[in-house]
Protein backbone atom coordinates (compact mmCIF):
# COMPACT_ATOMS: atom_id res chain seq x y z
CA MET A 1 178.88 105.46 51.96
CA GLN A 2 175.45 106.87 52.63
CA GLN A 3 175.19 110.29 54.21
CA TYR A 4 172.47 111.01 56.68
CA LEU A 5 170.71 114.37 56.63
CA PRO A 6 169.45 116.05 59.81
CA SER A 7 165.88 115.48 58.55
CA ASP A 8 166.49 111.72 58.75
CA TYR A 9 166.69 112.00 62.51
CA LEU A 10 163.46 114.01 62.85
CA PRO A 11 161.20 111.03 63.75
CA ILE A 12 163.63 109.94 66.46
CA ILE A 13 163.85 113.43 67.89
CA VAL A 14 160.05 113.86 67.85
CA GLN A 15 159.55 110.54 69.66
CA LEU A 16 162.24 111.41 72.21
CA VAL A 17 160.64 114.80 72.91
CA LEU A 18 157.19 113.21 73.27
CA ALA A 19 158.50 110.51 75.64
CA LEU A 20 160.32 113.08 77.80
CA GLY A 21 157.25 115.30 77.77
CA PHE A 22 155.07 112.43 78.91
CA VAL A 23 157.45 111.56 81.73
CA ALA A 24 157.67 115.20 82.88
CA THR A 25 153.88 115.68 82.71
CA THR A 26 153.25 112.47 84.63
CA MET A 27 155.77 113.39 87.34
CA LEU A 28 154.29 116.89 87.72
CA ALA A 29 150.73 115.56 87.89
CA THR A 30 151.50 112.89 90.48
CA ASN A 31 153.63 115.14 92.67
CA TYR A 32 151.90 118.53 92.52
CA ILE A 33 148.44 118.52 90.94
CA ILE A 34 146.82 115.32 92.30
CA PRO A 35 147.85 115.82 95.97
CA LYS A 36 146.26 119.30 95.93
CA ILE A 37 142.99 117.85 94.72
CA PHE A 38 142.83 115.15 97.41
CA ARG A 39 144.38 117.07 100.34
CA ASN A 40 141.06 117.60 102.17
CA ARG A 41 140.28 113.92 102.51
CA VAL A 42 139.74 112.63 106.03
CA HIS A 43 141.96 109.72 107.03
CA GLY A 44 141.23 107.22 109.75
CA LYS A 45 141.90 103.66 110.76
CA VAL A 46 138.82 102.26 109.07
CA LYS A 47 139.16 104.38 105.92
CA ASP A 48 142.90 103.64 105.43
CA ASP A 49 142.50 99.91 106.13
CA THR A 50 143.17 97.54 103.24
CA TRP A 51 140.18 95.68 101.86
CA GLU A 52 140.31 92.84 99.37
CA CYS A 53 136.97 91.73 97.94
CA GLY A 54 135.18 92.90 101.09
CA ILE A 55 137.11 90.50 103.32
CA GLU A 56 139.21 91.87 106.17
CA PRO A 57 142.90 91.01 105.72
CA GLN A 58 144.39 88.48 108.11
CA GLY A 59 148.05 88.20 108.96
CA ASP A 60 150.99 89.99 107.42
CA ALA A 61 151.24 90.56 103.67
CA ARG A 62 155.00 90.17 103.88
CA THR A 63 155.12 86.49 104.74
CA PRO A 64 157.95 84.71 102.99
CA ILE A 65 156.97 82.74 99.88
CA SER A 66 158.97 79.76 98.74
CA ILE A 67 161.33 80.39 95.84
CA LYS A 68 159.95 77.21 94.25
CA TYR A 69 156.75 79.10 93.42
CA PHE A 70 158.64 81.75 91.43
CA LEU A 71 160.90 79.21 89.75
CA THR A 72 157.90 77.19 88.63
CA ALA A 73 156.18 80.31 87.29
CA ILE A 74 159.28 81.42 85.37
CA LEU A 75 159.84 77.95 83.95
CA PHE A 76 156.21 77.75 82.88
CA VAL A 77 156.47 81.02 80.97
CA LEU A 78 159.84 80.04 79.49
CA PHE A 79 158.72 76.64 78.20
CA ASP A 80 155.29 77.97 77.18
CA VAL A 81 156.88 80.64 74.97
CA GLU A 82 159.24 78.08 73.46
CA ILE A 83 156.39 75.72 72.67
CA ILE A 84 154.60 78.55 70.85
CA PHE A 85 157.37 78.36 68.25
CA LEU A 86 156.18 74.85 67.33
CA TYR A 87 152.89 76.12 65.88
CA PRO A 88 154.29 78.06 62.88
CA TRP A 89 156.63 75.18 62.17
CA ALA A 90 153.74 72.68 62.20
CA VAL A 91 151.67 74.89 59.90
CA ASN A 92 154.54 75.27 57.37
CA PHE A 93 156.00 71.78 57.85
CA ARG A 94 155.86 70.68 54.19
CA SER A 95 157.09 73.92 52.71
CA LEU A 96 160.16 74.08 54.99
CA GLY A 97 161.61 70.82 53.70
CA TRP A 98 164.43 68.87 55.28
CA LEU A 99 166.30 71.99 56.40
CA GLY A 100 163.29 73.14 58.44
CA PHE A 101 162.94 69.64 59.89
CA ALA A 102 166.61 69.61 60.92
CA GLU A 103 166.34 73.05 62.47
CA MET A 104 163.31 71.93 64.48
CA ILE A 105 165.15 68.81 65.66
CA VAL A 106 167.95 71.05 66.93
CA PHE A 107 165.40 73.32 68.60
CA MET A 108 163.58 70.41 70.25
CA THR A 109 166.89 68.89 71.37
CA LEU A 110 167.88 72.12 73.11
CA LEU A 111 164.38 72.48 74.59
CA MET A 112 164.41 68.97 75.96
CA ALA A 113 167.95 69.39 77.28
CA GLY A 114 166.79 72.39 79.27
CA PHE A 115 163.73 70.52 80.49
CA PHE A 116 165.75 67.51 81.61
CA TYR A 117 168.25 69.85 83.34
CA VAL A 118 165.41 71.43 85.28
CA ILE A 119 164.05 68.02 86.22
CA ARG A 120 167.47 66.74 87.26
CA LYS A 121 168.06 69.81 89.47
CA GLY A 122 164.77 69.04 91.21
CA VAL A 123 163.20 72.46 90.58
CA LEU A 124 159.78 70.96 89.95
CA ASN A 125 159.82 68.79 93.10
CA TRP A 126 157.57 70.17 95.85
CA ASP A 127 158.73 68.96 99.25
């Protein structure tokens, strides 16, 4: 059984102290220092109005957006990341042998099962 010395934990303690120091410094700066610097700014309707690319905003920014948009975006990221795993397999195809081929068949089967499940549920249908 290996015994750990207190010096073995030194990098973890240093990183923890630095992280907590960063959080504390950021909170102090955003709550106390920065508001004192900008407290003399003049506010008004025109100055506080939201501008996007020089175009005046129209309507409410809190209009409901269809859940289909978010589902499509999440599915795109999910399948895109899974497809990225095909590249290293294709590069090392010959060196992996039959075991690598079988593992990729299992991977592709699970990937396609998920894809067909999404299609069958109608997530990608825009009504």
